[in-house]
């Protein structure tokens, strides 16, 4: 490789590692990654804007002989991933941090070769669509892959407000709701702000422009790792997200998507699966049934982003979205669906049945707990915002 290219790459690496020092707060995955056995390469996947780049730079700053670069950099476009890393290895670098690795052709094959050569250790980030088992190379025994979800309510408060709120277990939330509500009562009003501009970590200035650009890049670039993306596919994917955003829970199913978008039901299923793998949609499965269709939710704050197009968001959907987007990283939830005309609670989380609703929600469905608006506790009622502290 040309000396000027390497010099520029190293200068950029030093500048960005220095820049990352202004972010003292770390996502929860930081400590977990440091404790993974050095035998493995480490991959971090997730949607855009959740802090993957900053996390890599923070890790790089922590380790000796580290260098960072982005796989989509124009500097290294003429060179393979293997060539770049080998050159850095020859210069004495031992911890290589590669951002957006899925943007480099044949990245999986190059990782396998580099691992087998045992000269460096690689940490990399990529889109949510990365799948090691189907990457074309046998990486499952060589790489520990972790998914970094959007920032939880707790993490968002810590990062944006400089707080140091501890993680709570689900058992603590259910058993200590009165004490915890009084402890964090001043943070209750931040729930709405989180649903509007939480989860992803873009600066407040230009937030929605950055988010819109991110959504389009996910559809055009990240999903292209799964299949060819045409102009019609891009339009249909965007319209599907909009359809979910403006709908109440259970209003959207494969048939309604097909009808609204003018596509086949099979194509509707494929779109949902692709957007789920890309991290924009979460398809919540029913409890004890394979025949029912999933309930569709969006990643925070996509519902409020699309609401700017001119519709009123269904508050029940917003509450459920907050709850589900936190519970899914704790214990795989499922939704309850009774027979026609039968009233059931909303979700099962492990051994517990939980109903999500407004402050006036009753115990008609006889759930174990009710996650509700407001600050009133007792008789199984738990303020909804407390569930945002569980990861």
Protein backbone atom coordinates (compact mmCIF):
# COMPACT_ATOMS: atom_id res chain seq x y z
CA UNK A 1 0.00 0.00 0.00
CA UNK A 2 1.08 3.55 -0.73
CA UNK A 3 2.82 5.27 2.19
CA UNK A 4 0.65 8.38 1.78
CA UNK A 5 -2.50 6.29 2.15
CA UNK A 6 -1.28 4.65 5.36
CA UNK A 7 -0.09 7.98 6.77
CA UNK A 8 -3.49 9.53 6.11
CA UNK A 9 -5.31 6.51 7.58
CA UNK A 10 -3.21 6.65 10.77
CA UNK A 11 -3.70 10.42 11.11
CA UNK A 12 -7.46 10.00 10.77
CA UNK A 13 -7.40 7.21 13.35
CA UNK A 14 -5.56 9.35 15.90
CA UNK A 15 -7.88 12.31 15.30
CA UNK A 16 -11.05 10.24 15.74
CA UNK A 17 -9.75 8.43 18.83
CA UNK A 18 -9.00 11.82 20.35
CA UNK A 19 -12.46 13.11 19.35
CA UNK A 20 -14.16 10.15 21.06
CA UNK A 21 -12.64 11.18 24.39
CA UNK A 22 -15.25 13.92 24.68
CA UNK A 23 -17.87 11.17 25.22
CA UNK A 24 -17.16 9.93 28.77
CA UNK A 25 -20.32 7.82 28.97
CA UNK A 26 -20.14 4.32 27.55
CA UNK A 27 -22.84 2.03 26.21
CA UNK A 28 -23.51 -1.03 28.35
CA UNK A 29 -21.74 -3.35 25.88
CA UNK A 30 -18.35 -1.74 26.58
CA UNK A 31 -17.54 -3.71 29.74
CA UNK A 32 -18.87 -6.96 28.29
CA UNK A 33 -16.60 -6.67 25.26
CA UNK A 34 -13.52 -6.06 27.42
CA UNK A 35 -14.21 -9.34 29.23
CA UNK A 36 -14.47 -11.53 26.09
CA UNK A 37 -11.59 -13.98 25.70
CA UNK A 38 -8.77 -12.64 23.53
CA UNK A 39 -8.98 -15.75 21.37
CA UNK A 40 -11.97 -14.30 19.53
CA UNK A 41 -12.52 -11.50 17.09
CA UNK A 42 -15.44 -9.31 18.19
CA UNK A 43 -18.26 -7.96 16.04
CA UNK A 44 -20.83 -5.33 17.02
CA UNK A 45 -23.96 -5.05 14.92
CA UNK A 46 -26.87 -2.65 15.14
CA UNK A 47 -28.77 0.08 13.35
CA UNK A 48 -27.17 3.41 12.51
CA UNK A 49 -26.92 6.16 15.07
CA UNK A 50 -26.80 4.11 18.27
CA UNK A 51 -23.12 4.63 19.12
CA UNK A 52 -21.24 1.77 17.44
CA UNK A 53 -18.50 4.06 16.09
CA UNK A 54 -17.96 5.82 19.41
CA UNK A 55 -17.90 2.44 21.18
CA UNK A 56 -15.17 1.16 18.83
CA UNK A 57 -13.12 4.33 19.32
CA UNK A 58 -13.50 4.14 23.10
CA UNK A 59 -12.28 0.55 23.05
CA UNK A 60 -9.41 1.47 20.72
CA UNK A 61 -8.33 4.22 23.09
CA UNK A 62 -8.30 1.72 25.95
CA UNK A 63 -6.00 -0.80 24.23
CA UNK A 64 -2.34 -0.53 23.22
CA UNK A 65 -1.19 -0.70 19.59
CA UNK A 66 -4.66 0.12 18.32
CA UNK A 67 -5.77 1.65 15.05
CA UNK A 68 -9.22 2.49 13.72
CA UNK A 69 -10.55 2.87 10.17
CA UNK A 70 -13.87 2.70 8.38
CA UNK A 71 -14.27 0.06 5.68
CA UNK A 72 -16.11 2.50 3.43
CA UNK A 73 -13.28 5.05 3.46
CA UNK A 74 -12.29 6.24 -0.01
CA UNK A 75 -8.65 5.98 1.08
CA UNK A 76 -8.72 2.19 1.06
CA UNK A 77 -11.21 1.62 -1.75
CA UNK A 78 -8.59 0.08 -4.11
CA UNK A 79 -7.39 -2.36 -1.44
CA UNK A 80 -8.87 -5.47 0.13
CA UNK A 81 -9.51 -5.68 3.84
CA UNK A 82 -6.76 -8.26 4.06
CA UNK A 83 -4.23 -5.92 2.42
CA UNK A 84 -5.04 -3.04 4.74
CA UNK A 85 -4.84 -5.11 7.93
CA UNK A 86 -1.65 -6.89 6.86
CA UNK A 87 0.03 -3.53 6.23
CA UNK A 88 -1.03 -2.26 9.66
CA UNK A 89 0.18 -5.51 11.24
CA UNK A 90 3.61 -5.08 9.65
CA UNK A 91 3.77 -1.61 11.22
CA UNK A 92 3.24 -3.13 14.67
CA UNK A 93 -0.48 -2.62 15.26
CA UNK A 94 -2.14 -5.53 17.07
CA UNK A 95 -5.71 -4.35 17.79
CA UNK A 96 -7.51 -3.36 14.60
CA UNK A 97 -10.89 -1.61 14.83
CA UNK A 98 -12.93 -1.65 11.60
CA UNK A 99 -16.17 0.31 11.26
CA UNK A 100 -18.94 -0.51 8.76
CA UNK A 101 -17.19 -3.73 7.77
CA UNK A 102 -20.13 -4.90 5.63
CA UNK A 103 -19.33 -2.11 3.17
CA UNK A 104 -16.16 -3.94 2.06
CA UNK A 105 -16.56 -6.73 -0.52
CA UNK A 106 -15.59 -10.21 0.68
CA UNK A 107 -15.15 -8.98 4.24
CA UNK A 108 -16.09 -12.35 5.76
CA UNK A 109 -13.53 -14.29 3.75
CA UNK A 110 -10.82 -11.76 4.63
CA UNK A 111 -11.68 -11.99 8.33
CA UNK A 112 -11.38 -15.76 8.23
CA UNK A 113 -7.95 -15.56 6.60
CA UNK A 114 -6.72 -12.91 9.04
CA UNK A 115 -7.96 -14.93 12.01
CA UNK A 116 -6.16 -18.04 10.80
CA UNK A 117 -2.92 -16.03 10.43
CA UNK A 118 -3.07 -15.04 14.13
CA UNK A 119 -1.21 -11.74 13.73
CA UNK A 120 -3.85 -9.28 14.96
CA UNK A 121 -7.09 -9.12 16.86
CA UNK A 122 -9.99 -7.46 15.08
CA UNK A 123 -12.98 -5.59 16.45
CA UNK A 124 -15.57 -4.56 13.90
CA UNK A 125 -19.00 -3.03 13.52
CA UNK A 126 -21.66 -3.70 10.92
CA UNK A 127 -25.34 -3.42 10.15
CA UNK A 128 -28.03 -5.38 11.99
CA UNK A 129 -28.37 -7.51 8.85
CA UNK A 130 -24.95 -9.16 9.36
CA UNK A 131 -25.31 -12.92 9.70
CA UNK A 132 -22.12 -14.86 10.44
CA UNK A 133 -23.70 -18.23 9.73
CA UNK A 134 -24.59 -17.18 6.17
CA UNK A 135 -21.64 -14.87 5.48
CA UNK A 136 -19.92 -17.23 3.05
CA UNK A 137 -17.13 -18.03 5.51
CA UNK A 138 -17.03 -20.13 8.64
CA UNK A 139 -16.84 -17.33 11.21
CA UNK A 140 -19.18 -18.66 13.88
CA UNK A 141 -16.28 -20.32 15.79
CA UNK A 142 -13.94 -17.35 15.34
CA UNK A 143 -16.09 -14.31 16.06
CA UNK A 144 -18.21 -13.32 19.03
CA UNK A 145 -21.01 -11.20 17.58
CA UNK A 146 -22.97 -8.89 19.86
CA UNK A 147 -25.95 -6.71 18.97
CA UNK A 148 -26.00 -3.17 20.29
CA UNK A 149 -29.65 -2.10 20.58
CA UNK A 150 -30.89 1.48 20.57
CA UNK A 151 -30.11 3.22 23.86
CA UNK A 152 -32.57 2.37 26.60
CA UNK A 153 -34.38 5.12 28.49
CA UNK A 154 -31.82 4.71 31.29
CA UNK A 155 -28.81 4.90 28.98
CA UNK A 156 -30.27 7.85 27.09
CA UNK A 157 -30.74 9.76 30.35
CA UNK A 158 -27.18 8.93 31.42
CA UNK A 159 -25.70 10.06 28.10
CA UNK A 160 -27.83 13.13 27.46
CA UNK A 161 -28.06 14.41 31.04
CA UNK A 162 -24.73 13.20 32.43
CA UNK A 163 -26.41 10.95 35.00
CA UNK A 164 -25.22 7.65 36.43
CA UNK A 165 -28.43 5.67 36.77
CA UNK A 166 -27.89 1.97 37.56
CA UNK A 167 -29.47 -0.86 35.62
CA UNK A 168 -32.46 -2.45 37.34
CA UNK A 169 -33.60 -6.04 37.08
CA UNK A 170 -37.17 -6.79 36.08
CA UNK A 171 -37.64 -8.31 39.52
CA UNK A 172 -36.60 -5.02 41.17
CA UNK A 173 -39.03 -3.05 39.03
CA UNK A 174 -41.95 -5.32 39.92
CA UNK A 175 -41.15 -5.65 43.62
CA UNK A 176 -39.94 -2.12 44.45
CA UNK A 177 -42.12 0.04 42.23
CA UNK A 178 -43.19 2.40 45.04
CA UNK A 179 -39.63 3.14 46.21
CA UNK A 180 -38.27 3.39 42.67
CA UNK A 181 -41.06 5.72 41.57
CA UNK A 182 -40.26 8.12 44.38
CA UNK A 183 -36.54 7.80 43.71
CA UNK A 184 -36.84 8.66 40.00
CA UNK A 185 -40.02 10.76 40.04
CA UNK A 186 -38.31 13.77 38.42
CA UNK A 187 -37.36 11.68 35.38
CA UNK A 188 -40.94 10.67 34.61
CA UNK A 189 -41.52 13.76 32.46
CA UNK A 190 -38.61 12.74 30.18
CA UNK A 191 -40.51 9.73 28.80
CA UNK A 192 -42.15 11.75 26.01
CA UNK A 193 -38.81 13.30 25.02
CA UNK A 194 -37.29 9.84 24.82
CA UNK A 195 -40.03 8.57 22.51
CA UNK A 196 -39.47 11.59 20.25
CA UNK A 197 -35.67 11.73 20.17
CA UNK A 198 -34.34 8.84 22.22
CA UNK A 199 -32.92 5.47 21.30
CA UNK A 200 -30.60 6.83 18.62
CA UNK A 201 -27.95 9.34 19.68
CA UNK A 202 -27.86 12.02 17.01
CA UNK A 203 -27.32 15.65 18.11
CA UNK A 204 -30.56 17.54 18.79
CA UNK A 205 -29.74 20.01 16.02
CA UNK A 206 -30.70 18.36 12.73
CA UNK A 207 -31.89 15.23 14.57
CA UNK A 208 -34.72 14.24 12.21
CA UNK A 209 -32.71 15.01 9.07
CA UNK A 210 -29.99 12.66 10.32
CA UNK A 211 -32.58 10.03 11.21
CA UNK A 212 -34.24 10.20 7.79
CA UNK A 213 -30.86 9.83 6.09
CA UNK A 214 -30.13 6.86 8.34
CA UNK A 215 -33.42 5.12 7.46
CA UNK A 216 -32.77 5.48 3.75
CA UNK A 217 -29.21 4.18 4.12
CA UNK A 218 -30.47 1.15 6.02
CA UNK A 219 -32.91 0.35 3.23
CA UNK A 220 -30.55 1.11 0.34
CA UNK A 221 -27.25 -0.16 1.75
CA UNK A 222 -27.77 -2.50 4.71
CA UNK A 223 -30.67 -4.50 3.29
CA UNK A 224 -28.75 -4.84 0.03
CA UNK A 225 -26.67 -7.40 1.95
CA UNK A 226 -29.81 -9.55 2.02
CA UNK A 227 -31.18 -9.00 -1.50
CA UNK A 228 -31.14 -6.66 -4.46
CA UNK A 229 -32.87 -3.38 -3.61
CA UNK A 230 -34.78 -1.68 -6.43
CA UNK A 231 -36.41 1.75 -6.43
CA UNK A 232 -39.81 0.08 -5.91
CA UNK A 233 -38.45 -2.00 -3.03
CA UNK A 234 -37.10 1.15 -1.37
CA UNK A 235 -40.47 2.88 -1.77
CA UNK A 236 -42.41 -0.13 -0.45
CA UNK A 237 -40.12 -0.48 2.57
CA UNK A 238 -40.52 3.19 3.46
CA UNK A 239 -44.31 2.99 3.01
CA UNK A 240 -44.47 -0.09 5.25
CA UNK A 241 -42.69 1.79 8.04
CA UNK A 242 -45.12 4.68 7.61
CA UNK A 243 -48.10 2.30 7.69
CA UNK A 244 -46.99 0.74 10.98
CA UNK A 245 -46.25 4.17 12.46
CA UNK A 246 -49.74 5.56 11.88
CA UNK A 247 -51.61 2.41 12.96
CA UNK A 248 -52.87 1.14 16.28
CA UNK A 249 -51.65 -2.22 17.61
CA UNK A 250 -53.04 -5.16 15.62
CA UNK A 251 -54.27 -2.99 12.74
CA UNK A 252 -51.36 -3.99 10.53
CA UNK A 253 -51.02 -7.55 9.24
CA UNK A 254 -49.57 -9.17 6.13
CA UNK A 255 -52.86 -8.89 4.25
CA UNK A 256 -53.35 -5.19 5.06
CA UNK A 257 -49.73 -4.47 4.10
CA UNK A 258 -50.18 -6.27 0.79
CA UNK A 259 -53.39 -4.36 0.06
CA UNK A 260 -52.01 -0.95 1.06
CA UNK A 261 -48.76 -1.35 -0.89
CA UNK A 262 -50.24 -3.21 -3.86
CA UNK A 263 -47.94 -6.21 -3.45
CA UNK A 264 -48.37 -9.94 -2.82
CA UNK A 265 -48.72 -11.32 0.68
CA UNK A 266 -45.44 -13.21 0.24
CA UNK A 267 -43.71 -9.95 -0.63
CA UNK A 268 -45.25 -8.32 2.44
CA UNK A 269 -43.82 -11.11 4.60
CA UNK A 270 -40.42 -10.67 2.96
CA UNK A 271 -40.44 -6.90 3.59
CA UNK A 272 -41.27 -7.39 7.26
CA UNK A 273 -38.51 -10.00 7.61
CA UNK A 274 -35.95 -7.75 5.90
CA UNK A 275 -36.81 -4.69 7.96
CA UNK A 276 -36.71 -6.83 11.11
CA UNK A 277 -33.22 -8.11 10.28
CA UNK A 278 -32.14 -4.54 9.52
CA UNK A 279 -33.31 -3.44 12.98
CA UNK A 280 -36.10 -1.03 12.00
CA UNK A 281 -39.04 -3.31 12.79
CA UNK A 282 -39.63 -5.72 15.65
CA UNK A 283 -42.06 -8.54 14.87
CA UNK A 284 -43.42 -9.73 18.22
CA UNK A 285 -44.60 -13.32 18.05
CA UNK A 286 -47.77 -14.69 19.71
CA UNK A 287 -47.61 -16.87 22.81
CA UNK A 288 -48.21 -20.59 22.31
CA UNK A 289 -49.25 -20.28 18.68
CA UNK A 290 -47.58 -20.51 15.28
CA UNK A 291 -50.71 -19.64 13.32
CA UNK A 292 -51.15 -16.04 14.45
CA UNK A 293 -49.31 -13.23 12.69
CA UNK A 294 -46.74 -11.13 14.58
CA UNK A 295 -47.51 -7.77 16.11
CA UNK A 296 -45.34 -5.13 14.45
CA UNK A 297 -43.48 -2.41 16.33
CA UNK A 298 -40.92 0.17 15.25
CA UNK A 299 -37.56 1.01 16.76
CA UNK A 300 -37.66 4.09 18.99
CA UNK A 301 -38.10 6.92 17.84
CA UNK A 302 -39.38 5.99 14.37
CA UNK A 303 -43.09 6.25 15.18
CA UNK A 304 -42.74 9.89 16.25
CA UNK A 305 -40.49 10.59 13.26
CA UNK A 306 -43.18 9.48 10.82
CA UNK A 307 -45.84 11.38 12.80
CA UNK A 308 -44.20 14.54 11.49
CA UNK A 309 -45.73 13.62 8.13
CA UNK A 310 -49.12 14.73 9.49
CA UNK A 311 -51.00 12.19 11.62
CA UNK A 312 -51.70 11.71 15.32
CA UNK A 313 -49.83 8.83 16.90
CA UNK A 314 -51.93 6.18 18.64
CA UNK A 315 -50.90 6.57 22.28
CA UNK A 316 -51.57 2.91 23.05
CA UNK A 317 -49.12 1.89 20.33
CA UNK A 318 -46.53 4.32 21.68
CA UNK A 319 -46.81 2.86 25.18
CA UNK A 320 -46.55 -0.71 23.92
CA UNK A 321 -43.60 0.20 21.71
CA UNK A 322 -41.68 1.61 24.68
CA UNK A 323 -42.43 -1.49 26.75
CA UNK A 324 -41.65 -4.04 24.05
CA UNK A 325 -38.45 -2.30 22.90
CA UNK A 326 -37.07 -2.62 26.43
CA UNK A 327 -38.38 -6.07 27.35
CA UNK A 328 -37.08 -7.71 24.18
CA UNK A 329 -33.49 -7.34 25.43
CA UNK A 330 -34.29 -8.78 28.86
CA UNK A 331 -36.55 -11.78 28.32
CA UNK A 332 -38.12 -12.59 24.95
CA UNK A 333 -41.71 -11.33 25.24
CA UNK A 334 -44.74 -12.64 23.39
CA UNK A 335 -48.23 -11.24 23.00
CA UNK A 336 -51.42 -12.86 24.25
CA UNK A 337 -54.35 -13.31 21.91
CA UNK A 338 -57.63 -14.84 23.03
CA UNK A 339 -60.51 -16.26 21.06
CA UNK A 340 -62.79 -13.93 19.12
CA UNK A 341 -64.45 -11.49 21.53
CA UNK A 342 -62.33 -12.65 24.48
CA UNK A 343 -60.43 -9.98 26.45
CA UNK A 344 -56.85 -10.89 27.33
CA UNK A 345 -53.87 -9.05 28.79
CA UNK A 346 -51.19 -7.78 26.42
CA UNK A 347 -47.91 -9.61 27.01
CA UNK A 348 -46.18 -12.48 28.69
CA UNK A 349 -42.65 -11.82 29.98
CA UNK A 350 -41.19 -15.01 31.37
CA UNK A 351 -43.68 -16.21 33.99
CA UNK A 352 -45.50 -12.88 34.25
CA UNK A 353 -48.50 -11.54 32.36
CA UNK A 354 -48.36 -7.74 31.96
CA UNK A 355 -50.97 -5.30 30.66
CA UNK A 356 -49.82 -1.95 29.22
CA UNK A 357 -52.14 1.05 29.25
CA UNK A 358 -53.16 4.50 30.46
CA UNK A 359 -53.41 5.70 34.02
CA UNK A 360 -57.05 4.60 34.29
CA UNK A 361 -56.37 1.02 33.18
CA UNK A 362 -58.34 -1.56 35.18
CA UNK A 363 -57.44 -5.14 36.09
CA UNK A 364 -60.28 -6.55 33.97
CA UNK A 365 -57.92 -8.91 32.12
CA UNK A 366 -56.40 -10.04 35.45
CA UNK A 367 -52.72 -9.56 34.60
CA UNK A 368 -49.97 -10.07 37.15
CA UNK A 369 -48.92 -6.44 36.67
CA UNK A 370 -50.07 -3.34 34.83
CA UNK A 371 -47.51 -1.00 33.23
CA UNK A 372 -49.36 2.32 33.20
CA UNK A 373 -48.94 6.04 32.61
CA UNK A 374 -48.52 8.26 35.62
CA UNK A 375 -46.92 7.71 39.01
CA UNK A 376 -49.55 5.73 40.93
CA UNK A 377 -48.38 2.37 42.30
CA UNK A 378 -50.03 -0.41 44.29
CA UNK A 379 -52.45 -3.20 43.39
CA UNK A 380 -50.11 -4.45 40.66
CA UNK A 381 -49.72 -1.02 39.02
CA UNK A 382 -46.19 -0.05 37.93
CA UNK A 383 -45.37 3.28 36.24
CA UNK A 384 -44.45 2.49 32.65
CA UNK A 385 -41.31 4.64 32.64
CA UNK A 386 -39.63 2.34 35.21
CA UNK A 387 -39.42 -0.43 32.61
CA UNK A 388 -36.97 1.81 30.76
CA UNK A 389 -34.30 1.10 33.39
CA UNK A 390 -33.97 -2.64 32.80
CA UNK A 391 -31.07 -2.68 30.31
